[in-house]
Amino acid sequence: MNIDLHSHSRQSDGVLSPAELAARAHANGVDWWALSDHDETSGLAEAAQAASDLGLGFIPGVEISVTFCEKTVHILGLQIDPGNRDLSAGLAAIRRSRFERAGQMADRLADCGIPNALEGALRHVDNPDLISRVHFARHLLEQEHVKSLQQAFDRYLGDGKRAFVPIQWVSLEQALGWIRAAGGKAVIAHPGRYKYTPQQHDALFQVFKDLGGQGVEVITGAHTPAQSKRYAKLAAAYGFQASRGSDFHAPGVGRVDLGAMPDLPEGLVPVWQDWI
């Protein structure tokens, strides 16, 4: 089966509505699909209804922002109950931090000669509480301050750049606690993206396992083939289940479309084995 358990709608930093994402997944031959917006579950009801109407299997998800060893890590919560109070309250606190950070980024962009960036970024957001660096990047591209989204990060928004504002997200322990409370399964998203030393990288996997984390994203649009092989081996070594997700945000953006990834390598236990 074609299973894609990582995608984003306009409820966070994607460009399609949850229903449009469901339609695209169905058209691309996806059999089971998860919506996993950043720190937000408000699109899940629409996504579930659209998937049901299409005969598309649906897994409710969320992608939680975590700080570990002073860097941002994303943890997927899959097969969650979006109405869980612990999860809802925790995500609301993260969203408040996001908006405060956005104001600081706008101030720094103004110092770079780019005024009114917050207002411009908000034009690209359905949910102001979920404003992110991607929305600022879209504004900078729209106003021709940069020639691509990547250049916006390389010049202004990336870690350590002129408009970058660090933020202290929740702890790994908090995020996994919320996911467990919501009946879900915790998965490390796109581990190949995190710029850790080998020791920090191993610490992430070990602490995640010790806290009850169950899965790692092996096949994802953010991984090269070499990285997928590496994390397949690490999943087996740590006893993690393996997940597969495009991390789709928008048509024509990123390496792959919804559902357009290789299969999981043989010998791994899929994270969806209990659900499908």
C-alpha atoms as a PDB file:
ATOM      1  CA  MET A   1       0.000   0.000   0.000  1.00  0.00           C
ATOM      2  CA  ASN A   2       0.976   3.618  -0.551  1.00  0.00           C
ATOM      3  CA  ILE A   3       1.096   5.192   2.922  1.00  0.00           C
ATOM      4  CA  ASP A   4       2.063   8.831   3.566  1.00  0.00           C
ATOM      5  CA  LEU A   5       2.043   9.884   7.219  1.00  0.00           C
ATOM      6  CA  HIS A   6       3.499  13.407   7.076  1.00  0.00           C
ATOM      7  CA  SER A   7       1.940  16.441   5.368  1.00  0.00           C
ATOM      8  CA  HIS A   8       0.931  20.031   6.103  1.00  0.00           C
ATOM      9  CA  SER A   9      -2.104  22.151   5.267  1.00  0.00           C
ATOM     10  CA  ARG A  10      -2.835  25.871   5.416  1.00  0.00           C
ATOM     11  CA  GLN A  11      -3.658  25.378   9.077  1.00  0.00           C
ATOM     12  CA  SER A  12       0.120  25.545   9.614  1.00  0.00           C
ATOM     13  CA  ASP A  13       2.690  26.233   6.872  1.00  0.00           C
ATOM     14  CA  GLY A  14       1.247  24.398   3.862  1.00  0.00           C
ATOM     15  CA  VAL A  15      -0.661  26.068   1.024  1.00  0.00           C
ATOM     16  CA  LEU A  16      -3.594  23.674   0.487  1.00  0.00           C
ATOM     17  CA  SER A  17      -6.641  23.215   2.677  1.00  0.00           C
ATOM     18  CA  PRO A  18      -7.049  19.885   4.476  1.00  0.00           C
ATOM     19  CA  ALA A  19      -9.729  18.845   1.965  1.00  0.00           C
ATOM     20  CA  GLU A  20      -7.492  19.807  -0.974  1.00  0.00           C
ATOM     21  CA  LEU A  21      -4.671  17.756   0.533  1.00  0.00           C
ATOM     22  CA  ALA A  22      -6.977  14.752   0.843  1.00  0.00           C
ATOM     23  CA  ALA A  23      -7.958  15.115  -2.806  1.00  0.00           C
ATOM     24  CA  ARG A  24      -4.327  15.348  -3.892  1.00  0.00           C
ATOM     25  CA  ALA A  25      -3.367  12.299  -1.838  1.00  0.00           C
ATOM     26  CA  HIS A  26      -6.237  10.322  -3.363  1.00  0.00           C
ATOM     27  CA  ALA A  27      -5.357  11.441  -6.904  1.00  0.00           C
ATOM     28  CA  ASN A  28      -1.734  10.405  -6.313  1.00  0.00           C
ATOM     29  CA  GLY A  29      -2.730   6.875  -5.354  1.00  0.00           C
ATOM     30  CA  VAL A  30      -2.213   7.182  -1.603  1.00  0.00           C
ATOM     31  CA  ASP A  31      -4.125   4.515   0.347  1.00  0.00           C
ATOM     32  CA  TRP A  32      -3.579   5.836   3.892  1.00  0.00           C
ATOM     33  CA  TRP A  33      -2.730   9.450   4.648  1.00  0.00           C
ATOM     34  CA  ALA A  34      -1.976  11.565   7.730  1.00  0.00           C
ATOM     35  CA  LEU A  35      -2.330  15.303   8.177  1.00  0.00           C
ATOM     36  CA  SER A  36       0.361  16.438  10.645  1.00  0.00           C
ATOM     37  CA  ASP A  37       0.307  20.216  10.900  1.00  0.00           C
ATOM     38  CA  HIS A  38       2.852  21.991  13.068  1.00  0.00           C
ATOM     39  CA  ASP A  39       1.608  22.324  16.646  1.00  0.00           C
ATOM     40  CA  GLU A  40      -2.017  22.380  15.448  1.00  0.00           C
ATOM     41  CA  THR A  41      -4.895  19.926  15.126  1.00  0.00           C
ATOM     42  CA  SER A  42      -7.659  22.247  13.874  1.00  0.00           C
ATOM     43  CA  GLY A  43      -7.541  20.819  10.342  1.00  0.00           C
ATOM     44  CA  LEU A  44      -8.060  17.197  11.360  1.00  0.00           C
ATOM     45  CA  ALA A  45     -11.878  17.170  11.332  1.00  0.00           C
ATOM     46  CA  GLU A  46     -12.015  18.557   7.778  1.00  0.00           C
ATOM     47  CA  ALA A  47      -9.256  16.182   6.687  1.00  0.00           C
ATOM     48  CA  ALA A  48     -11.005  13.145   8.177  1.00  0.00           C
ATOM     49  CA  GLN A  49     -14.313  13.993   6.514  1.00  0.00           C
ATOM     50  CA  ALA A  50     -12.699  14.618   3.129  1.00  0.00           C
ATOM     51  CA  ALA A  51     -10.742  11.375   3.360  1.00  0.00           C
ATOM     52  CA  SER A  52     -13.896   9.447   4.286  1.00  0.00           C
ATOM     53  CA  ASP A  53     -15.775  10.922   1.329  1.00  0.00           C
ATOM     54  CA  LEU A  54     -12.973   9.768  -0.987  1.00  0.00           C
ATOM     55  CA  GLY A  55     -12.572   6.313   0.531  1.00  0.00           C
ATOM     56  CA  LEU A  56      -9.064   7.297   1.669  1.00  0.00           C
ATOM     57  CA  GLY A  57      -7.690   5.834   4.893  1.00  0.00           C
ATOM     58  CA  PHE A  58      -6.867   8.570   7.408  1.00  0.00           C
ATOM     59  CA  ILE A  59      -4.518   8.782  10.410  1.00  0.00           C
ATOM     60  CA  PRO A  60      -4.877  11.936  12.577  1.00  0.00           C
ATOM     61  CA  GLY A  61      -1.509  13.475  13.379  1.00  0.00           C
ATOM     62  CA  VAL A  62       0.432  16.501  14.584  1.00  0.00           C
ATOM     63  CA  GLU A  63       4.062  17.619  14.396  1.00  0.00           C
ATOM     64  CA  ILE A  64       5.293  19.033  17.712  1.00  0.00           C
ATOM     65  CA  SER A  65       8.206  21.479  17.989  1.00  0.00           C
ATOM     66  CA  VAL A  66      10.768  20.395  20.594  1.00  0.00           C
ATOM     67  CA  THR A  67      14.086  21.795  21.806  1.00  0.00           C
ATOM     68  CA  PHE A  68      16.804  19.182  22.346  1.00  0.00           C
ATOM     69  CA  CYS A  69      20.492  20.041  22.832  1.00  0.00           C
ATOM     70  CA  GLU A  70      19.664  23.668  21.957  1.00  0.00           C
ATOM     71  CA  LYS A  71      18.269  22.777  18.517  1.00  0.00           C
ATOM     72  CA  THR A  72      14.752  22.343  17.161  1.00  0.00           C
ATOM     73  CA  VAL A  73      13.540  18.786  16.640  1.00  0.00           C
ATOM     74  CA  HIS A  74      10.143  17.780  15.262  1.00  0.00           C
ATOM     75  CA  ILE A  75       8.226  14.894  16.796  1.00  0.00           C
ATOM     76  CA  LEU A  76       5.247  13.413  14.972  1.00  0.00           C
ATOM     77  CA  GLY A  77       2.295  12.246  17.029  1.00  0.00           C
ATOM     78  CA  LEU A  78       0.316   9.750  14.946  1.00  0.00           C
ATOM     79  CA  GLN A  79      -3.112   8.224  15.566  1.00  0.00           C
ATOM     80  CA  ILE A  80      -3.822  10.843  18.214  1.00  0.00           C
ATOM     81  CA  ASP A  81      -7.081  11.937  19.783  1.00  0.00           C
ATOM     82  CA  PRO A  82      -7.132  15.651  18.820  1.00  0.00           C
ATOM     83  CA  GLY A  83      -9.634  16.399  21.584  1.00  0.00           C
ATOM     84  CA  ASN A  84      -7.297  15.334  24.388  1.00  0.00           C
ATOM     85  CA  ARG A  85      -7.026  18.164  26.916  1.00  0.00           C
ATOM     86  CA  ASP A  86      -3.332  17.726  27.736  1.00  0.00           C
ATOM     87  CA  LEU A  87      -2.369  17.781  24.066  1.00  0.00           C
ATOM     88  CA  SER A  88      -4.654  20.724  23.245  1.00  0.00           C
ATOM     89  CA  ALA A  89      -3.352  22.855  26.114  1.00  0.00           C
ATOM     90  CA  GLY A  90       0.276  22.095  25.302  1.00  0.00           C
ATOM     91  CA  LEU A  91      -0.112  22.946  21.625  1.00  0.00           C
ATOM     92  CA  ALA A  92      -1.897  26.202  22.485  1.00  0.00           C
ATOM     93  CA  ALA A  93       1.099  27.273  24.593  1.00  0.00           C
ATOM     94  CA  ILE A  94       3.478  26.547  21.701  1.00  0.00           C
ATOM     95  CA  ARG A  95       1.357  28.605  19.319  1.00  0.00           C
ATOM     96  CA  ARG A  96       1.512  31.618  21.651  1.00  0.00           C
ATOM     97  CA  SER A  97       5.309  31.371  21.597  1.00  0.00           C
ATOM     98  CA  ARG A  98       5.265  31.239  17.791  1.00  0.00           C
ATOM     99  CA  PHE A  99       3.395  34.541  17.468  1.00  0.00           C
ATOM    100  CA  GLU A 100       5.675  36.317  19.919  1.00  0.00           C
ATOM    101  CA  ARG A 101       8.685  35.098  17.927  1.00  0.00           C
ATOM    102  CA  ALA A 102       7.116  36.359  14.687  1.00  0.00           C
ATOM    103  CA  GLY A 103       6.977  39.909  16.032  1.00  0.00           C
ATOM    104  CA  GLN A 104      10.664  39.757  16.912  1.00  0.00           C
ATOM    105  CA  MET A 105      11.561  38.439  13.440  1.00  0.00           C
ATOM    106  CA  ALA A 106       9.622  41.307  11.867  1.00  0.00           C
ATOM    107  CA  ASP A 107      11.599  43.804  13.962  1.00  0.00           C
ATOM    108  CA  ARG A 108      14.871  42.274  12.782  1.00  0.00           C
ATOM    109  CA  LEU A 109      13.749  42.352   9.149  1.00  0.00           C
ATOM    110  CA  ALA A 110      12.868  46.028   9.601  1.00  0.00           C
ATOM    111  CA  ASP A 111      16.451  46.581  10.783  1.00  0.00           C
ATOM    112  CA  CYS A 112      17.513  44.969   7.485  1.00  0.00           C
ATOM    113  CA  GLY A 113      15.487  47.528   5.534  1.00  0.00           C
ATOM    114  CA  ILE A 114      12.382  45.373   5.071  1.00  0.00           C
ATOM    115  CA  PRO A 115       9.455  47.049   6.880  1.00  0.00           C
ATOM    116  CA  ASN A 116       5.977  45.634   7.540  1.00  0.00           C
ATOM    117  CA  ALA A 117       7.147  42.026   7.241  1.00  0.00           C
ATOM    118  CA  LEU A 118       4.712  40.769   9.885  1.00  0.00           C
ATOM    119  CA  GLU A 119       1.735  42.130   7.986  1.00  0.00           C
ATOM    120  CA  GLY A 120       3.109  40.654   4.772  1.00  0.00           C
ATOM    121  CA  ALA A 121       3.715  37.238   6.319  1.00  0.00           C
ATOM    122  CA  LEU A 122       0.213  37.180   7.802  1.00  0.00           C
ATOM    123  CA  ARG A 123      -1.261  37.389   4.295  1.00  0.00           C
ATOM    124  CA  HIS A 124       0.097  33.890   3.737  1.00  0.00           C
ATOM    125  CA  VAL A 125      -1.384  32.459   6.945  1.00  0.00           C
ATOM    126  CA  ASP A 126      -4.853  31.045   7.592  1.00  0.00           C
ATOM    127  CA  ASN A 127      -4.099  30.648  11.287  1.00  0.00           C
ATOM    128  CA  PRO A 128      -2.100  33.634  12.694  1.00  0.00           C
ATOM    129  CA  ASP A 129      -1.062  31.576  15.727  1.00  0.00           C
ATOM    130  CA  LEU A 130       0.839  29.241  13.398  1.00  0.00           C
ATOM    131  CA  ILE A 131       2.903  31.924  11.674  1.00  0.00           C
ATOM    132  CA  SER A 132       6.394  30.611  10.912  1.00  0.00           C
ATOM    133  CA  ARG A 133       9.597  31.401   9.065  1.00  0.00           C
ATOM    134  CA  VAL A 134       8.121  29.876   5.917  1.00  0.00           C
ATOM    135  CA  HIS A 135       5.403  32.544   5.842  1.00  0.00           C
ATOM    136  CA  PHE A 136       8.028  35.279   6.135  1.00  0.00           C
ATOM    137  CA  ALA A 137      10.001  33.587   3.344  1.00  0.00           C
ATOM    138  CA  ARG A 138       6.930  33.611   1.082  1.00  0.00           C
ATOM    139  CA  HIS A 139       6.472  37.323   1.765  1.00  0.00           C
ATOM    140  CA  LEU A 140      10.131  38.066   0.982  1.00  0.00           C
ATOM    141  CA  LEU A 141       9.841  36.137  -2.282  1.00  0.00           C
ATOM    142  CA  GLU A 142       6.569  37.844  -3.200  1.00  0.00           C
ATOM    143  CA  GLN A 143       8.145  41.273  -2.634  1.00  0.00           C
ATOM    144  CA  GLU A 144      11.253  40.252  -4.627  1.00  0.00           C
ATOM    145  CA  HIS A 145      13.651  40.689  -1.735  1.00  0.00           C
ATOM    146  CA  VAL A 146      14.900  37.199  -2.585  1.00  0.00           C
ATOM    147  CA  LYS A 147      14.770  34.949  -5.637  1.00  0.00           C
ATOM    148  CA  SER A 148      13.697  31.746  -3.873  1.00  0.00           C
ATOM    149  CA  LEU A 149      12.391  30.471  -0.557  1.00  0.00           C
ATOM    150  CA  GLN A 150      15.762  28.888   0.126  1.00  0.00           C
ATOM    151  CA  GLN A 151      17.512  32.212  -0.423  1.00  0.00           C
ATOM    152  CA  ALA A 152      15.200  33.784   2.163  1.00  0.00           C
ATOM    153  CA  PHE A 153      16.536  31.315   4.715  1.00  0.00           C
ATOM    154  CA  ASP A 154      20.138  31.572   3.525  1.00  0.00           C
ATOM    155  CA  ARG A 155      20.090  35.364   3.694  1.00  0.00           C
ATOM    156  CA  TYR A 156      17.692  36.269   6.502  1.00  0.00           C
ATOM    157  CA  LEU A 157      15.751  33.512   8.287  1.00  0.00           C
ATOM    158  CA  GLY A 158      18.053  30.515   8.702  1.00  0.00           C
ATOM    159  CA  ASP A 159      19.737  29.675  11.997  1.00  0.00           C
ATOM    160  CA  GLY A 160      22.177  32.438  12.897  1.00  0.00           C
ATOM    161  CA  LYS A 161      21.119  34.760  10.051  1.00  0.00           C
ATOM    162  CA  ARG A 162      20.164  38.420  10.489  1.00  0.00           C
ATOM    163  CA  ALA A 163      16.438  37.916  11.137  1.00  0.00           C
ATOM    164  CA  PHE A 164      16.664  34.591  12.948  1.00  0.00           C
ATOM    165  CA  VAL A 165      15.120  34.533  16.413  1.00  0.00           C
ATOM    166  CA  PRO A 166      15.872  31.479  18.569  1.00  0.00           C
ATOM    167  CA  ILE A 167      13.018  30.008  20.541  1.00  0.00           C
ATOM    168  CA  GLN A 168      12.810  27.552  23.412  1.00  0.00           C
ATOM    169  CA  TRP A 169      10.239  24.958  22.441  1.00  0.00           C
ATOM    170  CA  VAL A 170       8.872  22.301  24.791  1.00  0.00           C
ATOM    171  CA  SER A 171      10.995  19.438  26.057  1.00  0.00           C
ATOM    172  CA  LEU A 172      11.099  15.992  24.500  1.00  0.00           C
ATOM    173  CA  GLU A 173       9.562  14.622  27.691  1.00  0.00           C
ATOM    174  CA  GLN A 174       6.617  17.041  27.500  1.00  0.00           C
ATOM    175  CA  ALA A 175       5.895  16.291  23.850  1.00  0.00           C
ATOM    176  CA  LEU A 176       5.957  12.535  24.329  1.00  0.00           C
ATOM    177  CA  GLY A 177       3.759  12.889  27.403  1.00  0.00           C
ATOM    178  CA  TRP A 178       1.109  14.745  25.396  1.00  0.00           C
ATOM    179  CA  ILE A 179       1.236  12.192  22.588  1.00  0.00           C
ATOM    180  CA  ARG A 180       0.839   9.311  25.027  1.00  0.00           C
ATOM    181  CA  ALA A 181      -2.045  11.105  26.784  1.00  0.00           C
ATOM    182  CA  ALA A 182      -3.749  11.454  23.382  1.00  0.00           C
ATOM    183  CA  GLY A 183      -3.343   7.732  22.695  1.00  0.00           C
ATOM    184  CA  GLY A 184      -0.849   8.293  19.901  1.00  0.00           C
ATOM    185  CA  LYS A 185       2.512   6.992  18.807  1.00  0.00           C
ATOM    186  CA  ALA A 186       5.610   9.254  18.846  1.00  0.00           C
ATOM    187  CA  VAL A 187       7.915   9.316  15.807  1.00  0.00           C
ATOM    188  CA  ILE A 188      11.093  11.348  15.212  1.00  0.00           C
ATOM    189  CA  ALA A 189      10.484  13.298  12.003  1.00  0.00           C
ATOM    190  CA  HIS A 190      13.188  13.573   9.302  1.00  0.00           C
ATOM    191  CA  PRO A 191      16.175  12.875  11.594  1.00  0.00           C
ATOM    192  CA  GLY A 192      18.630  13.591   8.768  1.00  0.00           C
ATOM    193  CA  ARG A 193      17.847  17.308   9.025  1.00  0.00           C
ATOM    194  CA  TYR A 194      19.241  17.830  12.517  1.00  0.00           C
ATOM    195  CA  LYS A 195      22.757  19.231  12.644  1.00  0.00           C
ATOM    196  CA  TYR A 196      24.019  17.413  15.701  1.00  0.00           C
ATOM    197  CA  THR A 197      27.386  16.021  16.629  1.00  0.00           C
ATOM    198  CA  PRO A 198      27.497  12.196  16.574  1.00  0.00           C
ATOM    199  CA  GLN A 199      27.220  12.193  20.367  1.00  0.00           C
ATOM    200  CA  GLN A 200      24.180  14.506  20.376  1.00  0.00           C
ATOM    201  CA  HIS A 201      22.581  12.478  17.609  1.00  0.00           C
ATOM    202  CA  ASP A 202      22.950   9.267  19.610  1.00  0.00           C
ATOM    203  CA  ALA A 203      21.642  11.034  22.714  1.00  0.00           C
ATOM    204  CA  LEU A 204      18.491  12.095  20.847  1.00  0.00           C
ATOM    205  CA  PHE A 205      17.726   8.515  19.838  1.00  0.00           C
ATOM    206  CA  GLN A 206      18.517   7.067  23.255  1.00  0.00           C
ATOM    207  CA  VAL A 207      16.579   9.654  25.282  1.00  0.00           C
ATOM    208  CA  PHE A 208      13.652   9.364  22.861  1.00  0.00           C
ATOM    209  CA  LYS A 209      13.616   5.597  23.373  1.00  0.00           C
ATOM    210  CA  ASP A 210      13.969   5.884  27.162  1.00  0.00           C
ATOM    211  CA  LEU A 211      10.962   8.241  27.237  1.00  0.00           C
ATOM    212  CA  GLY A 212       8.801   5.755  25.336  1.00  0.00           C
ATOM    213  CA  GLY A 213       9.278   6.976  21.771  1.00  0.00           C
ATOM    214  CA  GLN A 214       8.371   4.255  19.296  1.00  0.00           C
ATOM    215  CA  GLY A 215       9.232   5.285  15.758  1.00  0.00           C
ATOM    216  CA  VAL A 216      11.552   7.093  13.375  1.00  0.00           C
ATOM    217  CA  GLU A 217      10.831   8.511   9.936  1.00  0.00           C
ATOM    218  CA  VAL A 218      13.042   6.524   7.564  1.00  0.00           C
ATOM    219  CA  ILE A 219      11.530   7.424   4.193  1.00  0.00           C
ATOM    220  CA  THR A 220      10.783  11.144   3.892  1.00  0.00           C
ATOM    221  CA  GLY A 221      11.030  13.915   1.344  1.00  0.00           C
ATOM    222  CA  ALA A 222      13.766  15.508   3.460  1.00  0.00           C
ATOM    223  CA  HIS A 223      16.113  12.490   3.201  1.00  0.00           C
ATOM    224  CA  THR A 224      18.583  11.568   0.505  1.00  0.00           C
ATOM    225  CA  PRO A 225      18.745   7.846  -0.430  1.00  0.00           C
ATOM    226  CA  ALA A 226      21.915   7.550   1.654  1.00  0.00           C
ATOM    227  CA  GLN A 227      20.176   9.044   4.695  1.00  0.00           C
ATOM    228  CA  SER A 228      17.234   6.680   4.282  1.00  0.00           C
ATOM    229  CA  LYS A 229      19.629   3.727   4.365  1.00  0.00           C
ATOM    230  CA  ARG A 230      21.365   5.144   7.421  1.00  0.00           C
ATOM    231  CA  TYR A 231      18.158   5.609   9.401  1.00  0.00           C
ATOM    232  CA  ALA A 232      16.833   2.234   8.362  1.00  0.00           C
ATOM    233  CA  LYS A 233      19.889   0.716  10.052  1.00  0.00           C
ATOM    234  CA  LEU A 234      19.489   2.951  13.108  1.00  0.00           C
ATOM    235  CA  ALA A 235      15.786   2.088  13.400  1.00  0.00           C
ATOM    236  CA  ALA A 236      16.681  -1.596  13.460  1.00  0.00           C
ATOM    237  CA  ALA A 237      19.529  -1.041  15.933  1.00  0.00           C
ATOM    238  CA  TYR A 238      17.335   0.859  18.414  1.00  0.00           C
ATOM    239  CA  GLY A 239      14.276  -1.304  17.893  1.00  0.00           C
ATOM    240  CA  PHE A 240      12.191   1.551  16.478  1.00  0.00           C
ATOM    241  CA  GLN A 241       9.281   1.120  14.109  1.00  0.00           C
ATOM    242  CA  ALA A 242       9.743   2.864  10.751  1.00  0.00           C
ATOM    243  CA  SER A 243       7.564   5.558   9.211  1.00  0.00           C
ATOM    244  CA  ARG A 244       7.139   6.927   5.697  1.00  0.00           C
ATOM    245  CA  GLY A 245       6.010  10.481   4.910  1.00  0.00           C
ATOM    246  CA  SER A 246       6.571  13.042   2.185  1.00  0.00           C
ATOM    247  CA  ASP A 247       6.556  16.123   4.481  1.00  0.00           C
ATOM    248  CA  PHE A 248       4.496  17.720   1.707  1.00  0.00           C
ATOM    249  CA  HIS A 249       3.816  21.467   1.996  1.00  0.00           C
ATOM    250  CA  ALA A 250       2.978  22.735  -1.486  1.00  0.00           C
ATOM    251  CA  PRO A 251       2.905  21.648  -5.136  1.00  0.00           C
ATOM    252  CA  GLY A 252       6.334  22.065  -6.692  1.00  0.00           C
ATOM    253  CA  VAL A 253       8.060  22.642  -3.337  1.00  0.00           C
ATOM    254  CA  GLY A 254      10.323  20.016  -1.808  1.00  0.00           C
ATOM    255  CA  ARG A 255      11.761  16.865  -3.264  1.00  0.00           C
ATOM    256  CA  VAL A 256       8.631  14.763  -3.568  1.00  0.00           C
ATOM    257  CA  ASP A 257       4.863  14.983  -3.959  1.00  0.00           C
ATOM    258  CA  LEU A 258       2.342  13.313  -1.674  1.00  0.00           C
ATOM    259  CA  GLY A 259       2.852   9.574  -1.810  1.00  0.00           C
ATOM    260  CA  ALA A 260       5.787   9.751  -4.225  1.00  0.00           C
ATOM    261  CA  MET A 261       8.436   8.069  -2.063  1.00  0.00           C
ATOM    262  CA  PRO A 262      10.182   4.703  -2.136  1.00  0.00           C
ATOM    263  CA  ASP A 263       8.791   1.866  -0.036  1.00  0.00           C
ATOM    264  CA  LEU A 264      10.194   1.150   3.406  1.00  0.00           C
ATOM    265  CA  PRO A 265      13.270  -1.078   3.273  1.00  0.00           C
ATOM    266  CA  GLU A 266      12.607  -4.739   3.947  1.00  0.00           C
ATOM    267  CA  GLY A 267      13.068  -6.036   7.468  1.00  0.00           C
ATOM    268  CA  LEU A 268      11.692  -2.969   9.270  1.00  0.00           C
ATOM    269  CA  VAL A 269       8.506  -2.947  11.326  1.00  0.00           C
ATOM    270  CA  PRO A 270       6.154  -0.253   9.958  1.00  0.00           C
ATOM    271  CA  VAL A 271       4.774   2.247  12.420  1.00  0.00           C
ATOM    272  CA  TRP A 272       1.279   1.601  11.062  1.00  0.00           C
ATOM    273  CA  GLN A 273       1.272  -2.132  11.762  1.00  0.00           C
ATOM    274  CA  ASP A 274      -1.230  -1.738  14.622  1.00  0.00           C
ATOM    275  CA  TRP A 275      -3.635   0.439  12.633  1.00  0.00           C
ATOM    276  CA  ILE A 276      -3.787  -0.914   9.075  1.00  0.00           C
END
